[in-house]
N, C-alpha and C. Protein backbone atom coordinates (compact mmCIF):
# COMPACT_ATOMS: atom_id res chain seq x y z
N UNK A 1 -47.26 69.56 92.82
CA UNK A 1 -47.57 68.57 91.81
C UNK A 1 -49.07 68.61 91.49
N UNK A 2 -49.39 68.62 90.22
CA UNK A 2 -50.79 68.68 89.78
C UNK A 2 -51.38 67.27 89.71
N UNK A 3 -52.61 67.14 90.16
CA UNK A 3 -53.28 65.84 90.12
C UNK A 3 -53.62 65.48 88.68
N UNK A 4 -53.46 64.21 88.34
CA UNK A 4 -53.81 63.73 87.01
C UNK A 4 -55.30 63.88 86.76
N UNK A 5 -56.08 63.48 87.74
CA UNK A 5 -57.54 63.58 87.64
C UNK A 5 -57.97 64.83 88.40
N UNK A 6 -57.93 65.98 87.73
CA UNK A 6 -58.30 67.24 88.35
C UNK A 6 -59.73 67.62 87.96
N UNK A 7 -60.16 68.81 88.36
CA UNK A 7 -61.52 69.25 88.06
C UNK A 7 -61.81 69.22 86.56
N UNK A 8 -60.83 69.62 85.75
CA UNK A 8 -61.02 69.64 84.30
C UNK A 8 -61.30 68.24 83.76
N UNK A 9 -60.64 67.23 84.31
CA UNK A 9 -60.89 65.85 83.89
C UNK A 9 -62.35 65.47 84.15
N UNK A 10 -62.83 65.75 85.36
CA UNK A 10 -64.20 65.37 85.74
C UNK A 10 -65.25 66.20 85.02
N UNK A 11 -64.87 67.40 84.54
CA UNK A 11 -65.81 68.27 83.83
C UNK A 11 -65.85 67.97 82.34
N UNK A 12 -64.75 67.52 81.77
CA UNK A 12 -64.71 67.36 80.31
C UNK A 12 -64.46 65.93 79.85
N UNK A 13 -63.35 65.36 80.24
CA UNK A 13 -62.95 64.04 79.74
C UNK A 13 -63.94 62.96 80.17
N UNK A 14 -64.22 62.88 81.46
CA UNK A 14 -65.11 61.83 81.95
C UNK A 14 -66.52 61.93 81.36
N UNK A 15 -67.16 63.10 81.37
CA UNK A 15 -68.51 63.17 80.78
C UNK A 15 -68.52 62.81 79.30
N UNK A 16 -67.52 63.25 78.56
CA UNK A 16 -67.47 62.92 77.13
C UNK A 16 -67.31 61.43 76.91
N UNK A 17 -66.48 60.79 77.72
CA UNK A 17 -66.28 59.34 77.58
C UNK A 17 -67.56 58.59 77.92
N UNK A 18 -68.22 59.00 78.99
CA UNK A 18 -69.48 58.34 79.37
C UNK A 18 -70.52 58.53 78.26
N UNK A 19 -70.62 59.74 77.70
CA UNK A 19 -71.56 59.99 76.61
C UNK A 19 -71.26 59.09 75.42
N UNK A 20 -69.98 58.97 75.06
CA UNK A 20 -69.60 58.12 73.93
C UNK A 20 -69.98 56.66 74.18
N UNK A 21 -69.71 56.17 75.37
CA UNK A 21 -70.04 54.79 75.71
C UNK A 21 -71.55 54.57 75.66
N UNK A 22 -72.31 55.54 76.17
CA UNK A 22 -73.77 55.42 76.18
C UNK A 22 -74.34 55.45 74.76
N UNK A 23 -73.76 56.28 73.90
CA UNK A 23 -74.23 56.33 72.50
C UNK A 23 -73.94 55.01 71.79
N UNK A 24 -72.81 54.39 72.12
CA UNK A 24 -72.44 53.14 71.49
C UNK A 24 -73.20 51.94 72.02
N UNK A 25 -73.77 52.08 73.20
CA UNK A 25 -74.50 50.98 73.82
C UNK A 25 -75.68 51.54 74.61
N UNK A 26 -76.68 52.13 73.91
CA UNK A 26 -77.77 52.83 74.59
C UNK A 26 -78.65 51.96 75.48
N UNK A 27 -78.64 50.66 75.28
CA UNK A 27 -79.46 49.77 76.11
C UNK A 27 -78.76 49.40 77.42
N UNK A 28 -77.51 49.79 77.57
CA UNK A 28 -76.72 49.42 78.75
C UNK A 28 -76.69 50.53 79.80
N UNK A 29 -76.23 50.17 80.99
CA UNK A 29 -76.13 51.09 82.12
C UNK A 29 -74.66 51.47 82.29
N UNK A 30 -74.32 52.77 82.32
CA UNK A 30 -72.92 53.17 82.51
C UNK A 30 -72.50 53.03 83.97
N UNK A 31 -71.33 52.46 84.18
CA UNK A 31 -70.77 52.29 85.51
C UNK A 31 -69.41 52.96 85.54
N UNK A 32 -69.23 53.90 86.48
CA UNK A 32 -67.96 54.60 86.64
C UNK A 32 -67.42 54.24 88.03
N UNK A 33 -66.21 53.72 88.03
CA UNK A 33 -65.56 53.36 89.30
C UNK A 33 -64.31 54.20 89.48
N UNK A 34 -64.13 54.66 90.69
CA UNK A 34 -62.97 55.45 91.08
C UNK A 34 -62.10 54.58 91.97
N UNK A 35 -60.91 54.24 91.48
CA UNK A 35 -59.97 53.40 92.24
C UNK A 35 -59.05 54.34 93.00
N UNK A 36 -59.03 54.20 94.32
CA UNK A 36 -58.26 55.10 95.17
C UNK A 36 -56.89 54.53 95.54
N UNK A 37 -55.97 55.41 95.87
CA UNK A 37 -54.61 55.02 96.23
C UNK A 37 -54.58 54.09 97.44
N UNK A 38 -55.59 54.18 98.32
CA UNK A 38 -55.63 53.33 99.51
C UNK A 38 -56.26 51.97 99.24
N UNK A 39 -56.60 51.69 97.97
CA UNK A 39 -57.17 50.40 97.61
C UNK A 39 -58.69 50.36 97.54
N UNK A 40 -59.35 51.34 98.08
CA UNK A 40 -60.81 51.38 98.02
C UNK A 40 -61.26 51.68 96.59
N UNK A 41 -62.43 51.16 96.25
CA UNK A 41 -63.04 51.43 94.96
C UNK A 41 -64.42 52.01 95.21
N UNK A 42 -64.65 53.21 94.67
CA UNK A 42 -65.95 53.84 94.80
C UNK A 42 -66.72 53.67 93.50
N UNK A 43 -67.91 53.10 93.60
CA UNK A 43 -68.80 52.90 92.46
C UNK A 43 -69.70 54.13 92.42
N UNK A 44 -69.39 55.06 91.50
CA UNK A 44 -70.02 56.38 91.53
C UNK A 44 -71.45 56.40 90.99
N UNK A 45 -72.30 57.12 91.70
CA UNK A 45 -73.62 57.46 91.21
C UNK A 45 -73.50 58.78 90.44
N UNK A 46 -72.91 59.78 91.09
CA UNK A 46 -72.64 61.04 90.41
C UNK A 46 -71.65 61.88 91.20
N UNK A 47 -71.19 62.93 90.55
CA UNK A 47 -70.25 63.86 91.17
C UNK A 47 -71.07 65.03 91.70
N UNK A 48 -70.89 65.32 92.98
CA UNK A 48 -71.66 66.37 93.62
C UNK A 48 -71.03 67.75 93.48
N UNK A 49 -69.70 67.81 93.62
CA UNK A 49 -69.03 69.11 93.63
C UNK A 49 -67.57 68.95 93.24
N UNK A 50 -67.08 69.93 92.49
CA UNK A 50 -65.66 69.99 92.12
C UNK A 50 -65.09 71.28 92.67
N UNK A 51 -64.10 71.17 93.54
CA UNK A 51 -63.44 72.35 94.10
C UNK A 51 -62.02 72.43 93.53
N UNK A 52 -61.23 73.35 94.01
CA UNK A 52 -59.87 73.51 93.49
C UNK A 52 -58.98 72.29 93.79
N UNK A 53 -59.09 71.75 94.99
CA UNK A 53 -58.18 70.66 95.39
C UNK A 53 -58.89 69.37 95.76
N UNK A 54 -60.23 69.36 95.75
CA UNK A 54 -60.96 68.17 96.17
C UNK A 54 -62.27 68.06 95.38
N UNK A 55 -62.88 66.89 95.49
CA UNK A 55 -64.20 66.67 94.90
C UNK A 55 -65.08 65.92 95.88
N UNK A 56 -66.38 66.05 95.68
CA UNK A 56 -67.37 65.31 96.47
C UNK A 56 -68.15 64.43 95.50
N UNK A 57 -68.27 63.15 95.86
CA UNK A 57 -68.97 62.20 95.02
C UNK A 57 -70.02 61.45 95.83
N UNK A 58 -71.07 61.03 95.17
CA UNK A 58 -72.04 60.15 95.79
C UNK A 58 -71.79 58.77 95.18
N UNK A 59 -71.63 57.77 96.04
CA UNK A 59 -71.31 56.43 95.55
C UNK A 59 -72.22 55.40 96.17
N UNK A 60 -72.40 54.30 95.42
CA UNK A 60 -73.26 53.22 95.88
C UNK A 60 -72.57 52.42 96.97
N UNK A 61 -73.27 52.18 98.05
CA UNK A 61 -72.77 51.32 99.11
C UNK A 61 -72.85 49.87 98.66
N UNK A 62 -73.93 49.53 97.94
CA UNK A 62 -74.14 48.18 97.43
C UNK A 62 -74.59 48.31 95.97
N UNK A 63 -73.70 47.97 95.05
CA UNK A 63 -73.99 48.12 93.61
C UNK A 63 -75.09 47.17 93.14
N UNK A 64 -75.32 46.09 93.85
CA UNK A 64 -76.36 45.14 93.42
C UNK A 64 -77.76 45.72 93.61
N UNK A 65 -77.98 46.39 94.73
CA UNK A 65 -79.31 46.94 95.00
C UNK A 65 -79.43 48.39 94.56
N UNK A 66 -78.33 49.12 94.53
CA UNK A 66 -78.31 50.55 94.15
C UNK A 66 -79.26 51.37 95.00
N UNK A 67 -79.49 50.95 96.24
CA UNK A 67 -80.43 51.67 97.09
C UNK A 67 -79.73 52.62 98.06
N UNK A 68 -78.69 52.16 98.70
CA UNK A 68 -78.01 52.98 99.70
C UNK A 68 -76.77 53.63 99.10
N UNK A 69 -76.61 54.92 99.40
CA UNK A 69 -75.47 55.66 98.89
C UNK A 69 -74.80 56.43 100.01
N UNK A 70 -73.54 56.70 99.83
CA UNK A 70 -72.76 57.52 100.74
C UNK A 70 -72.16 58.68 99.96
N UNK A 71 -71.76 59.71 100.67
CA UNK A 71 -71.06 60.84 100.07
C UNK A 71 -69.62 60.79 100.55
N UNK A 72 -68.69 60.94 99.62
CA UNK A 72 -67.26 60.96 99.96
C UNK A 72 -66.65 62.26 99.48
N UNK A 73 -65.82 62.86 100.32
CA UNK A 73 -65.05 64.04 99.98
C UNK A 73 -63.60 63.60 99.92
N UNK A 74 -62.94 63.85 98.78
CA UNK A 74 -61.57 63.38 98.66
C UNK A 74 -60.71 64.32 97.84
N UNK A 75 -59.41 64.34 98.14
CA UNK A 75 -58.50 65.15 97.34
C UNK A 75 -58.30 64.49 95.98
N UNK A 76 -58.10 65.30 94.96
CA UNK A 76 -57.92 64.76 93.61
C UNK A 76 -56.78 63.74 93.56
N UNK A 77 -55.72 63.95 94.32
CA UNK A 77 -54.56 63.07 94.29
C UNK A 77 -54.86 61.65 94.74
N UNK A 78 -55.95 61.44 95.45
CA UNK A 78 -56.28 60.11 95.95
C UNK A 78 -56.76 59.17 94.84
N UNK A 79 -57.22 59.72 93.72
CA UNK A 79 -57.70 58.88 92.62
C UNK A 79 -56.53 58.38 91.79
N UNK A 80 -56.39 57.04 91.73
CA UNK A 80 -55.33 56.42 90.93
C UNK A 80 -55.81 56.03 89.54
N UNK A 81 -57.10 55.67 89.43
CA UNK A 81 -57.64 55.20 88.16
C UNK A 81 -59.15 55.43 88.15
N UNK A 82 -59.67 55.75 86.97
CA UNK A 82 -61.11 55.89 86.77
C UNK A 82 -61.49 54.94 85.64
N UNK A 83 -62.50 54.10 85.88
CA UNK A 83 -62.93 53.17 84.84
C UNK A 83 -64.36 53.49 84.43
N UNK A 84 -64.64 53.29 83.15
CA UNK A 84 -65.99 53.44 82.61
C UNK A 84 -66.33 52.13 81.92
N UNK A 85 -67.43 51.52 82.31
CA UNK A 85 -67.86 50.27 81.66
C UNK A 85 -69.37 50.30 81.50
N UNK A 86 -69.84 49.48 80.60
CA UNK A 86 -71.27 49.39 80.34
C UNK A 86 -71.77 48.03 80.82
N UNK A 87 -72.90 48.03 81.51
CA UNK A 87 -73.47 46.80 82.06
C UNK A 87 -74.88 46.59 81.52
N UNK A 88 -75.25 45.36 81.39
CA UNK A 88 -76.61 45.02 80.94
C UNK A 88 -77.58 45.42 82.06
N UNK A 89 -78.74 45.99 81.72
CA UNK A 89 -79.69 46.44 82.73
C UNK A 89 -80.20 45.34 83.66
N UNK A 90 -80.13 44.07 83.25
CA UNK A 90 -80.56 43.00 84.15
C UNK A 90 -79.53 42.74 85.25
N UNK A 91 -78.29 43.15 85.02
CA UNK A 91 -77.26 42.94 86.04
C UNK A 91 -77.03 44.19 86.88
N UNK A 92 -77.58 45.31 86.44
CA UNK A 92 -77.35 46.57 87.14
C UNK A 92 -78.55 47.49 86.97
N UNK A 93 -79.23 47.82 88.08
CA UNK A 93 -80.43 48.65 88.01
C UNK A 93 -80.11 50.11 87.71
N UNK A 94 -79.00 50.59 88.24
CA UNK A 94 -78.68 52.00 88.14
C UNK A 94 -77.18 52.16 88.00
N UNK A 95 -76.76 53.19 87.31
CA UNK A 95 -75.33 53.43 87.14
C UNK A 95 -74.99 54.88 87.37
N UNK A 96 -73.93 55.32 86.73
CA UNK A 96 -73.47 56.69 86.84
C UNK A 96 -74.47 57.62 86.16
N UNK A 97 -74.84 58.68 86.85
CA UNK A 97 -75.81 59.64 86.32
C UNK A 97 -75.04 60.84 85.79
N UNK A 98 -75.25 61.13 84.54
CA UNK A 98 -74.56 62.22 83.87
C UNK A 98 -75.57 63.28 83.49
N UNK A 99 -75.33 64.52 83.92
CA UNK A 99 -76.18 65.63 83.50
C UNK A 99 -75.33 66.68 82.83
N UNK A 100 -75.93 67.64 82.25
CA UNK A 100 -75.23 68.68 81.50
C UNK A 100 -74.71 69.81 82.38
N UNK A 101 -75.06 69.86 83.65
CA UNK A 101 -74.72 71.00 84.49
C UNK A 101 -73.48 70.73 85.31
N UNK A 102 -72.46 71.59 85.15
CA UNK A 102 -71.27 71.47 86.00
C UNK A 102 -70.51 72.79 86.00
N UNK A 103 -69.91 73.06 87.12
CA UNK A 103 -69.03 74.22 87.27
C UNK A 103 -68.17 73.98 88.49
N UNK A 104 -66.90 74.34 88.46
CA UNK A 104 -66.02 74.03 89.57
C UNK A 104 -66.44 74.64 90.89
N UNK A 105 -67.01 75.83 90.89
CA UNK A 105 -67.36 76.48 92.14
C UNK A 105 -68.86 76.54 92.36
N UNK A 106 -69.61 75.78 91.60
CA UNK A 106 -71.08 75.80 91.71
C UNK A 106 -71.53 75.05 92.94
N UNK A 107 -72.75 75.31 93.41
CA UNK A 107 -73.31 74.49 94.48
C UNK A 107 -73.41 73.05 94.01
N UNK A 108 -73.59 72.11 94.92
CA UNK A 108 -73.62 70.70 94.53
C UNK A 108 -74.51 70.46 93.31
N UNK A 109 -73.90 69.86 92.29
CA UNK A 109 -74.61 69.52 91.05
C UNK A 109 -73.93 68.32 90.43
N UNK A 110 -74.70 67.49 89.78
CA UNK A 110 -74.13 66.33 89.10
C UNK A 110 -73.37 66.79 87.87
N UNK A 111 -72.33 66.06 87.53
CA UNK A 111 -71.53 66.40 86.34
C UNK A 111 -72.13 65.78 85.13
C-alpha cells in the first residue's frame, strides 16, 4: 500500500501550498503541523530528509518560544493529516521554514 503523504507530496504539494499561503498573507508566519496516527502532533520547523519509506523532520518542542527543537524519523504511513495555517507574528515568532532545495536522496536539507 502506498502512503498518501509520500516523498512527492513533501517535495511538491506541501511547498507549493506553503508558498501560496505566504504570498496571500506575507505578513504572517506559516505553521505546518503533522498529525500522526498515534495522536501526536508535530509542529514542523522544516523537513530534513526524504527517503523512500520514511522522512526526517525537525519540530518545535514548544511552539510558543520556538527555541527548542527535536528531530523525528517516521514512516510516511504514520502521517494522517498535514495542516498549513498562517499566524500573526505577535502570536508566533517562527514557523515552517521553506527553502528551494530538495531531493529524495540528498543529504539533510530543508524542503
